[in-house]
Amino acid sequence: MTFRVSFIGLMIGVSSFLVQAEEGWTGRSVDFSHGDLQVAPNGRYLQHADGTPFLYLGDTAWQLLSRLNEQEVARYMENRRDKGFTVIQTVVLAELTGRKGLASPLINGSPLTPSPDYFAWVDRVLALAEENGLYVGLLPTWGDKVDKQWGTGPEIFDETNAREYGRWLGRRYADVPNLIWIIGGDRSGGGRNFSIWNAMAQGIKECDHRHLMTYHPQGEHSSSFWFHREPWLDFNMFQSGHAQSDYAIYRRLLLPDRQLLPVKPVLDGEPRYENIPVDFKSQNGRFDDADVRASLYQSMFSGACGYTYGCNEVWQMYTAEYEPMIEAQRSWTECLDLPGACEVIHFRRLIERFDFFHGAPCQELIIAPEQIDADYAVAYSGADYALVYMPFGHSLTVAWPAWARGKTVRLEWFDPRTGKTDFYKNIRGDESAEVTPPTQGRGDDWVLIARPQ
């Protein structure tokens, strides 16, 4: 039985990869001609200056700048463009050891003397991302340079030099078209850290009025805990982290952020990574593509403005040259096409079929059975559609939004593993209905699509 389950899981992964390989994203991932990014008027989502919705669909590449060469960056960017990602998250002053021959980012280790050679490399990486239609979510530094804790350090920032470093970055990159600033780096924004992070953000904003900015906190925390009312924080980012595997973490972080005033968009900037040990312990098993899909669909259908994927080997750009962090198993190049990464594009294509960014979470559509966090179905609805994500494919009784009254409603099943949509049945929109997906069990997640016939 164990062998059969594993074999089926393997075949699902292979199938997903083949679909992705045949149906990659065409052209640049983002069309920058729609203008700079801004917060949408409703305060919930992001858009371009001309009103075109923007889906923040990120990938975690913390060590990209410090460990890859130009050829490798080009390969990585093309891979992520092909998969439909829109943002690459990386770090200027990274935590881990970098590749041999790379210029030191700072002369004499001082934030007041950035290295021209290193920042010419940063410029080149931003240009490569632009060629692929990708934004770069750029962290000025990892958190260990402010608050060492478990990192390599050393702590080099204080309030004064953090502000000057921010001003320098702001001046240098104010005109780059494909940039999103991310302050922080897996650290608290409280205590002594607050004044340093705040000064760095303010320094950038003094010289760069063009780009959006957020903050990346440590696990199971949100930027809102410290910075929600700071003018520089355009949208909130939380880290659901690598220990939680059910909906409870979104009830703790995402839903409260959506209730805050002023209203700001929010997204999960570091959820459970594909192939990382659960709670950092290999005896607990590793998160897989089913975990990726659950965190993606549950957070987005609960009102997030975007999502960031991550893979244990890719974030650290692991090869045999480096010490494996968190029990990395294979090189980053071998892990670029894991099933979870290949399946992200299906979500993007699904929501682009609807007026998603004018919709809203609509949990009241699910009327039975009572939801449990381990298998928490989520509903989202717009002016002429409803979407219900069902993590384990278990039957639900569903009501219908106001648009369905007096109409025939067409129901379809969307498979988040393949992106395929199949007709289910027609029902009357005046009555609730029990729906049962084609398959059930862990990894058999489905999205119910309802729209007028």
Protein backbone atom coordinates (compact mmCIF):
# COMPACT_ATOMS: atom_id res chain seq x y z
CA MET A 1 0.00 0.00 0.00
CA THR A 2 2.81 2.39 0.85
CA PHE A 3 4.45 1.73 -2.52
CA ARG A 4 1.19 2.32 -4.40
CA VAL A 5 0.56 5.69 -2.74
CA SER A 6 4.12 6.81 -3.42
CA PHE A 7 3.89 5.71 -7.04
CA ILE A 8 0.65 7.62 -7.57
CA GLY A 9 2.20 10.71 -6.01
CA LEU A 10 5.16 10.37 -8.35
CA MET A 11 2.95 10.05 -11.41
CA ILE A 12 0.93 13.11 -10.39
CA GLY A 13 4.18 15.05 -10.17
CA VAL A 14 5.33 13.83 -13.58
CA SER A 15 1.96 14.67 -15.11
CA SER A 16 2.06 18.17 -13.66
CA PHE A 17 5.54 18.69 -15.03
CA LEU A 18 4.54 17.61 -18.52
CA VAL A 19 1.56 19.94 -18.55
CA GLN A 20 3.80 22.81 -17.46
CA ALA A 21 6.46 22.01 -20.02
CA GLU A 22 3.89 22.08 -22.83
CA GLU A 23 1.99 25.12 -21.61
CA GLY A 24 4.55 27.56 -20.24
CA TRP A 25 3.90 31.27 -19.96
CA THR A 26 4.13 33.08 -23.29
CA GLY A 27 6.25 36.23 -23.45
CA ARG A 28 7.26 38.40 -20.54
CA SER A 29 5.56 37.44 -17.31
CA VAL A 30 4.50 41.05 -16.60
CA ASP A 31 3.84 43.81 -19.12
CA PHE A 32 5.51 46.86 -17.60
CA SER A 33 3.79 49.15 -20.10
CA HIS A 34 0.76 49.18 -17.77
CA GLY A 35 2.73 51.46 -15.47
CA ASP A 36 4.18 51.34 -11.99
CA LEU A 37 2.63 49.32 -9.21
CA GLN A 38 0.26 50.88 -6.69
CA VAL A 39 -2.31 49.84 -4.14
CA ALA A 40 -5.78 49.45 -5.66
CA PRO A 41 -8.46 51.94 -4.57
CA ASN A 42 -10.18 49.34 -2.38
CA GLY A 43 -6.96 48.87 -0.41
CA ARG A 44 -7.10 45.09 -0.83
CA TYR A 45 -5.04 44.34 -3.92
CA LEU A 46 -2.23 45.66 -6.12
CA GLN A 47 -2.54 47.11 -9.59
CA HIS A 48 -0.61 48.97 -12.27
CA ALA A 49 -0.99 52.71 -12.77
CA ASP A 50 -3.53 52.18 -15.56
CA GLY A 51 -5.72 50.04 -13.31
CA THR A 52 -4.61 46.63 -14.64
CA PRO A 53 -4.65 44.13 -11.73
CA PHE A 54 -1.29 42.78 -10.57
CA LEU A 55 -0.90 39.33 -9.04
CA TYR A 56 2.13 39.15 -6.74
CA LEU A 57 3.21 35.58 -7.44
CA GLY A 58 6.64 35.33 -5.89
CA ASP A 59 9.47 32.84 -5.72
CA THR A 60 12.00 32.70 -2.91
CA ALA A 61 15.60 33.09 -4.09
CA TRP A 62 17.31 34.58 -1.05
CA GLN A 63 20.86 33.59 -2.12
CA LEU A 64 20.52 34.33 -5.84
CA LEU A 65 22.68 37.46 -5.82
CA SER A 66 25.40 35.92 -3.69
CA ARG A 67 25.70 32.43 -5.21
CA LEU A 68 24.75 32.44 -8.90
CA ASN A 69 26.70 33.68 -11.89
CA GLU A 70 25.09 35.47 -14.86
CA GLN A 71 24.45 32.31 -16.86
CA GLU A 72 22.81 30.66 -13.87
CA VAL A 73 20.67 33.72 -13.11
CA ALA A 74 19.49 33.78 -16.74
CA ARG A 75 18.54 30.09 -16.53
CA TYR A 76 16.70 30.60 -13.25
CA MET A 77 14.82 33.70 -14.45
CA GLU A 78 13.71 31.98 -17.65
CA ASN A 79 12.48 28.99 -15.65
CA ARG A 80 10.40 31.16 -13.33
CA ARG A 81 9.08 33.29 -16.19
CA ASP A 82 7.97 30.13 -17.98
CA LYS A 83 6.11 29.04 -14.84
CA GLY A 84 4.20 32.30 -14.58
CA PHE A 85 5.87 33.79 -11.52
CA THR A 86 5.81 37.59 -11.37
CA VAL A 87 8.21 38.44 -8.50
CA ILE A 88 11.61 37.09 -7.44
CA GLN A 89 12.51 37.71 -3.79
CA THR A 90 16.24 38.06 -3.11
CA VAL A 91 18.68 39.83 -0.78
CA VAL A 92 21.44 42.38 -1.34
CA LEU A 93 23.39 41.53 1.84
CA ALA A 94 22.72 37.81 2.07
CA GLU A 95 23.04 35.58 5.09
CA LEU A 96 25.09 32.65 3.76
CA THR A 97 28.52 32.30 2.16
CA GLY A 98 28.63 33.43 -1.46
CA ARG A 99 30.42 32.13 -4.53
CA LYS A 100 34.16 32.45 -4.95
CA GLY A 101 35.31 35.50 -6.88
CA LEU A 102 32.24 37.60 -6.17
CA ALA A 103 33.05 41.13 -5.02
CA SER A 104 32.27 41.91 -1.40
CA PRO A 105 29.03 43.93 -1.15
CA LEU A 106 30.54 46.48 1.27
CA ILE A 107 34.02 47.95 1.39
CA ASN A 108 35.53 47.20 4.81
CA GLY A 109 32.16 45.81 5.84
CA SER A 110 30.60 49.26 6.22
CA PRO A 111 27.07 50.13 4.99
CA LEU A 112 28.42 53.61 4.26
CA THR A 113 30.77 52.31 1.54
CA PRO A 114 28.91 50.02 -0.89
CA SER A 115 31.13 48.20 -3.38
CA PRO A 116 30.77 49.52 -6.97
CA ASP A 117 31.62 46.10 -8.44
CA TYR A 118 29.05 44.25 -6.37
CA PHE A 119 26.27 46.72 -7.09
CA ALA A 120 27.06 46.59 -10.79
CA TRP A 121 26.19 42.90 -10.41
CA VAL A 122 22.94 43.78 -8.64
CA ASP A 123 22.15 46.13 -11.54
CA ARG A 124 22.72 43.31 -14.02
CA VAL A 125 20.44 40.92 -12.16
CA LEU A 126 17.67 43.52 -12.10
CA ALA A 127 18.11 43.93 -15.86
CA LEU A 128 17.90 40.17 -16.43
CA ALA A 129 14.68 40.09 -14.42
CA GLU A 130 13.29 42.99 -16.46
CA GLU A 131 14.04 41.13 -19.69
CA ASN A 132 11.81 38.31 -18.44
CA GLY A 133 9.05 40.62 -17.21
CA LEU A 134 9.79 39.85 -13.57
CA TYR A 135 9.72 42.17 -10.58
CA VAL A 136 12.45 41.78 -7.98
CA GLY A 137 11.34 41.90 -4.37
CA LEU A 138 14.63 43.24 -3.04
CA LEU A 139 15.71 43.06 0.60
CA PRO A 140 18.48 45.58 1.37
CA THR A 141 19.89 43.14 3.94
CA TRP A 142 19.10 39.91 5.68
CA GLY A 143 18.11 40.24 9.31
CA ASP A 144 21.34 38.90 10.77
CA LYS A 145 23.07 42.18 9.88
CA VAL A 146 20.66 43.95 12.25
CA ASP A 147 19.90 41.26 14.83
CA LYS A 148 22.27 38.28 14.54
CA GLN A 149 20.46 35.56 16.52
CA TRP A 150 20.93 32.35 14.46
CA GLY A 151 22.51 34.02 11.41
CA THR A 152 26.14 34.54 10.47
CA GLY A 153 26.16 38.31 10.99
CA PRO A 154 27.92 40.41 11.95
CA GLU A 155 25.55 43.11 13.17
CA ILE A 156 26.63 46.19 11.21
CA PHE A 157 23.60 48.49 11.27
CA ASP A 158 22.49 51.21 13.62
CA GLU A 159 19.82 53.84 13.06
CA THR A 160 22.22 56.32 11.49
CA ASN A 161 23.98 54.13 8.94
CA ALA A 162 20.75 52.26 8.14
CA ARG A 163 19.18 55.54 7.03
CA GLU A 164 22.22 56.48 4.93
CA TYR A 165 22.37 53.02 3.34
CA GLY A 166 18.67 53.34 2.55
CA ARG A 167 19.19 56.74 0.94
CA TRP A 168 22.02 55.34 -1.18
CA LEU A 169 19.84 52.46 -2.37
CA GLY A 170 16.90 54.77 -2.99
CA ARG A 171 18.98 57.09 -5.17
CA ARG A 172 20.55 54.25 -7.14
CA TYR A 173 17.35 52.36 -7.91
CA ALA A 174 14.68 55.07 -8.02
CA ASP A 175 14.22 54.68 -11.78
CA VAL A 176 14.35 50.89 -12.07
CA PRO A 177 10.96 49.76 -13.45
CA ASN A 178 10.77 46.28 -11.89
CA LEU A 179 11.46 46.73 -8.18
CA ILE A 180 9.55 46.13 -4.95
CA TRP A 181 11.33 46.95 -1.70
CA ILE A 182 11.17 44.44 1.15
CA ILE A 183 12.61 45.67 4.46
CA GLY A 184 13.50 43.17 7.16
CA GLY A 185 14.68 39.63 6.61
CA ASP A 186 13.28 36.95 8.92
CA ARG A 187 13.50 39.14 12.02
CA SER A 188 11.37 40.97 14.54
CA GLY A 189 10.59 44.61 13.96
CA GLY A 190 10.28 45.30 17.66
CA GLY A 191 12.61 46.53 20.39
CA ARG A 192 15.95 47.91 19.24
CA ASN A 193 15.26 46.60 15.74
CA PHE A 194 12.35 48.97 15.21
CA SER A 195 14.38 52.15 14.90
CA ILE A 196 16.91 50.52 12.56
CA TRP A 197 14.38 49.02 10.15
CA ASN A 198 12.28 52.16 10.27
CA ALA A 199 15.28 54.36 9.45
CA MET A 200 16.32 52.11 6.55
CA ALA A 201 12.80 52.22 5.08
CA GLN A 202 12.52 55.97 5.54
CA GLY A 203 15.93 56.50 3.95
CA ILE A 204 14.88 54.61 0.81
CA LYS A 205 11.56 56.45 0.61
CA GLU A 206 13.26 59.83 0.92
CA CYS A 207 14.91 59.20 -2.45
CA ASP A 208 12.58 56.71 -4.13
CA HIS A 209 8.91 57.66 -4.41
CA ARG A 210 8.19 55.18 -7.19
CA HIS A 211 8.29 51.69 -5.71
CA LEU A 212 6.06 49.82 -3.29
CA MET A 213 7.50 48.67 0.02
CA THR A 214 6.72 45.98 2.60
CA TYR A 215 8.47 44.13 5.45
CA HIS A 216 9.50 40.45 5.80
CA PRO A 217 9.18 39.24 9.43
CA GLN A 218 10.25 36.08 11.22
CA GLY A 219 8.10 32.95 11.19
CA GLU A 220 4.47 33.20 12.34
CA HIS A 221 4.59 36.99 12.52
CA SER A 222 3.36 39.83 10.32
CA SER A 223 4.75 43.21 9.35
CA SER A 224 1.54 44.63 10.83
CA PHE A 225 2.74 43.79 14.35
CA TRP A 226 5.12 46.79 14.25
CA PHE A 227 4.73 48.82 11.07
CA HIS A 228 1.10 48.82 9.94
CA ARG A 229 0.66 52.56 10.46
CA GLU A 230 4.04 53.55 9.09
CA PRO A 231 3.56 55.58 5.86
CA TRP A 232 6.28 53.61 4.08
CA LEU A 233 4.51 50.25 4.50
CA ASP A 234 2.34 49.91 1.39
CA PHE A 235 1.18 46.35 2.03
CA ASN A 236 1.58 43.81 4.80
CA MET A 237 3.61 40.64 4.50
CA PHE A 238 3.45 37.77 6.96
CA GLN A 239 5.42 34.55 7.23
CA SER A 240 3.21 31.55 7.96
CA GLY A 241 6.45 29.59 8.19
CA HIS A 242 7.58 26.00 8.06
CA ALA A 243 5.86 24.41 11.05
CA GLN A 244 2.16 24.96 10.31
CA SER A 245 0.22 22.77 7.92
CA ASP A 246 -3.42 23.78 8.31
CA TYR A 247 -5.70 26.79 8.13
CA ALA A 248 -5.17 27.89 11.73
CA ILE A 249 -2.11 29.96 10.79
CA TYR A 250 -4.21 32.08 8.41
CA ARG A 251 -6.76 32.64 11.13
CA ARG A 252 -3.90 33.95 13.29
CA LEU A 253 -2.18 36.16 10.70
CA LEU A 254 -4.08 36.77 7.47
CA LEU A 255 -7.61 37.34 8.71
CA PRO A 256 -6.62 39.81 11.47
CA ASP A 257 -4.50 41.81 9.02
CA ARG A 258 -7.53 42.20 6.76
CA GLN A 259 -9.45 43.79 9.65
CA LEU A 260 -6.87 46.49 10.37
CA LEU A 261 -7.30 50.18 9.63
CA PRO A 262 -6.15 51.74 7.44
CA VAL A 263 -6.95 48.94 5.01
CA LYS A 264 -3.81 47.55 3.35
CA PRO A 265 -3.20 44.54 1.10
CA VAL A 266 -1.60 41.50 2.71
CA LEU A 267 0.15 38.35 1.48
CA ASP A 268 2.03 35.31 2.73
CA GLY A 269 5.66 36.09 1.89
CA GLU A 270 7.10 32.83 3.26
CA PRO A 271 4.80 29.83 3.58
CA ARG A 272 5.83 26.19 3.96
CA TYR A 273 8.55 25.49 1.39
CA GLU A 274 8.37 22.53 -0.93
CA ASN A 275 10.79 19.79 0.21
CA ILE A 276 11.64 21.43 3.54
CA PRO A 277 11.36 19.22 6.66
CA VAL A 278 8.17 19.92 8.56
CA ASP A 279 9.06 22.09 11.57
CA PHE A 280 12.72 21.68 10.44
CA LYS A 281 12.75 18.02 11.59
CA SER A 282 13.20 15.32 8.94
CA GLN A 283 11.41 12.77 11.12
CA ASN A 284 8.24 14.78 10.55
CA GLY A 285 8.45 14.31 6.79
CA ARG A 286 8.74 17.07 4.20
CA PHE A 287 6.23 19.51 2.77
CA ASP A 288 5.20 18.65 -0.78
CA ASP A 289 3.18 20.05 -3.65
CA ALA A 290 -0.11 19.34 -1.86
CA ASP A 291 1.06 21.62 0.95
CA VAL A 292 2.06 24.28 -1.57
CA ARG A 293 -1.32 24.21 -3.27
CA ALA A 294 -3.22 24.33 0.03
CA SER A 295 -1.30 27.38 1.27
CA LEU A 296 -1.68 29.09 -2.11
CA TYR A 297 -5.41 28.57 -2.61
CA GLN A 298 -6.42 28.94 1.03
CA SER A 299 -4.59 32.24 1.47
CA MET A 300 -5.67 33.73 -1.86
CA PHE A 301 -9.32 32.71 -1.47
CA SER A 302 -9.19 34.22 2.03
CA GLY A 303 -8.32 37.63 0.60
CA ALA A 304 -4.53 37.77 0.16
CA CYS A 305 -3.24 40.00 -2.64
CA GLY A 306 -0.56 37.51 -3.64
CA TYR A 307 1.56 34.57 -2.61
CA THR A 308 5.21 33.54 -2.48
CA TYR A 309 6.30 29.99 -3.33
CA GLY A 310 9.51 28.56 -1.90
CA CYS A 311 11.67 25.46 -2.29
CA ASN A 312 14.21 24.38 0.32
CA GLU A 313 17.04 23.89 -2.17
CA VAL A 314 16.24 26.87 -4.39
CA TRP A 315 16.09 29.56 -1.69
CA GLN A 316 19.70 28.75 -0.72
CA MET A 317 20.81 27.96 -4.30
CA TYR A 318 22.31 24.79 -2.91
CA THR A 319 25.08 22.83 -4.60
CA ALA A 320 27.68 20.41 -3.22
CA GLU A 321 30.03 23.39 -2.92
CA TYR A 322 28.08 24.70 0.07
CA GLU A 323 26.97 23.38 3.43
CA PRO A 324 23.40 22.09 3.09
CA MET A 325 20.99 24.14 5.17
CA ILE A 326 17.89 22.50 6.69
CA GLU A 327 18.90 19.14 5.22
CA ALA A 328 18.89 20.17 1.58
CA GLN A 329 18.97 17.05 -0.57
CA ARG A 330 19.71 17.96 -4.20
CA SER A 331 21.13 20.87 -6.17
CA TRP A 332 18.92 23.86 -6.86
CA THR A 333 18.93 23.10 -10.59
CA GLU A 334 17.47 19.63 -9.92
CA CYS A 335 14.67 21.20 -7.87
CA LEU A 336 13.55 23.95 -10.25
CA ASP A 337 10.78 21.76 -11.66
CA LEU A 338 9.31 20.20 -8.54
CA PRO A 339 5.54 19.67 -8.88
CA GLY A 340 4.55 22.55 -6.59
CA ALA A 341 6.51 25.06 -8.65
CA CYS A 342 5.06 23.70 -11.90
CA GLU A 343 1.50 23.97 -10.58
CA VAL A 344 1.63 27.65 -9.63
CA ILE A 345 0.85 28.67 -13.20
CA HIS A 346 -2.50 26.89 -13.03
CA PHE A 347 -3.61 29.20 -10.25
CA ARG A 348 -2.59 32.28 -12.20
CA ARG A 349 -4.50 31.14 -15.25
CA LEU A 350 -7.55 30.27 -13.17
CA ILE A 351 -7.96 33.68 -11.56
CA GLU A 352 -7.24 35.49 -14.81
CA ARG A 353 -10.45 33.92 -16.14
CA PHE A 354 -12.44 36.00 -13.64
CA ASP A 355 -12.61 39.54 -12.27
CA PHE A 356 -10.77 38.19 -9.24
CA PHE A 357 -9.48 41.43 -7.78
CA HIS A 358 -12.97 42.89 -7.49
CA GLY A 359 -14.19 39.79 -5.66
CA ALA A 360 -13.96 38.95 -1.96
CA PRO A 361 -13.84 36.00 0.43
CA CYS A 362 -17.32 34.53 0.82
CA GLN A 363 -17.07 31.83 3.47
CA GLU A 364 -20.81 31.93 4.17
CA LEU A 365 -21.35 29.99 0.95
CA ILE A 366 -20.16 26.82 2.72
CA ILE A 367 -23.03 25.72 4.96
CA ALA A 368 -22.11 22.11 5.79
CA PRO A 369 -20.30 20.32 7.22
CA GLU A 370 -18.63 22.41 9.92
CA GLN A 371 -15.10 23.18 8.76
CA ILE A 372 -12.00 21.87 10.55
CA ASP A 373 -8.58 23.49 10.17
CA ALA A 374 -6.88 20.35 8.83
CA ASP A 375 -9.29 20.24 5.87
CA TYR A 376 -10.56 23.80 5.60
CA ALA A 377 -12.50 24.63 2.46
CA VAL A 378 -12.54 28.31 1.45
CA ALA A 379 -14.94 30.22 -0.79
CA TYR A 380 -14.42 33.33 -2.90
CA SER A 381 -17.00 35.16 -4.97
CA GLY A 382 -17.33 37.99 -7.48
CA ALA A 383 -20.12 39.65 -9.41
CA ASP A 384 -20.77 36.61 -11.62
CA TYR A 385 -18.76 33.69 -10.26
CA ALA A 386 -17.91 31.71 -7.13
CA LEU A 387 -14.83 29.59 -6.42
CA VAL A 388 -14.60 27.00 -3.64
CA TYR A 389 -11.29 25.32 -2.79
CA MET A 390 -11.61 21.87 -1.19
CA PRO A 391 -8.25 20.63 0.20
CA PHE A 392 -9.13 16.92 0.52
CA GLY A 393 -11.97 16.75 -1.98
CA HIS A 394 -14.59 16.00 0.65
CA SER A 395 -18.26 16.71 -0.04
CA LEU A 396 -19.72 20.08 0.88
CA THR A 397 -23.14 21.67 0.90
CA VAL A 398 -22.84 25.01 -0.84
CA ALA A 399 -25.19 27.97 -1.11
CA TRP A 400 -24.93 30.47 -3.95
CA PRO A 401 -24.32 34.24 -4.08
CA ALA A 402 -26.98 36.80 -4.94
CA TRP A 403 -26.07 36.76 -8.64
CA ALA A 404 -27.33 33.16 -8.87
CA ARG A 405 -30.90 33.84 -7.74
CA GLY A 406 -33.42 32.75 -10.36
CA LYS A 407 -30.70 31.46 -12.69
CA THR A 408 -29.29 28.16 -13.78
CA VAL A 409 -25.76 27.83 -12.41
CA ARG A 410 -23.11 25.87 -14.26
CA LEU A 411 -20.72 23.93 -12.00
CA GLU A 412 -17.27 22.80 -13.10
CA TRP A 413 -14.33 21.07 -11.44
CA PHE A 414 -10.91 22.68 -11.76
CA ASP A 415 -7.93 20.40 -11.06
CA PRO A 416 -5.12 22.49 -9.48
CA ARG A 417 -2.59 19.78 -10.32
CA THR A 418 -3.12 19.98 -14.08
CA GLY A 419 -5.12 23.16 -14.73
CA LYS A 420 -7.83 21.12 -16.47
CA THR A 421 -11.50 22.11 -16.09
CA ASP A 422 -14.38 19.64 -16.53
CA PHE A 423 -18.14 20.16 -16.52
CA TYR A 424 -19.88 18.82 -13.39
CA LYS A 425 -23.59 19.67 -13.53
CA ASN A 426 -26.15 22.47 -13.72
CA ILE A 427 -28.17 23.44 -10.65
CA ARG A 428 -30.73 26.03 -9.66
CA GLY A 429 -29.20 29.07 -8.03
CA ASP A 430 -32.08 29.41 -5.57
CA GLU A 431 -31.20 26.20 -3.77
CA SER A 432 -28.18 24.95 -1.88
CA ALA A 433 -26.54 21.85 -3.29
CA GLU A 434 -24.25 19.08 -2.14
CA VAL A 435 -21.14 18.83 -4.27
CA THR A 436 -18.70 15.92 -4.38
CA PRO A 437 -15.36 16.26 -6.21
CA PRO A 438 -14.15 13.50 -8.55
CA THR A 439 -11.62 12.14 -6.01
CA GLN A 440 -11.01 12.42 -2.28
CA GLY A 441 -8.00 12.24 0.05
CA ARG A 442 -4.82 14.13 0.80
CA GLY A 443 -3.47 15.55 -2.45
CA ASP A 444 -6.89 15.29 -4.12
CA ASP A 445 -7.73 18.97 -3.80
CA TRP A 446 -10.25 20.56 -6.16
CA VAL A 447 -11.73 23.94 -6.99
CA LEU A 448 -15.45 24.18 -7.66
CA ILE A 449 -16.28 26.85 -10.23
CA ALA A 450 -19.83 28.23 -10.26
CA ARG A 451 -21.05 30.75 -12.84
CA PRO A 452 -24.27 31.56 -14.73
CA GLN A 453 -25.25 29.08 -17.42
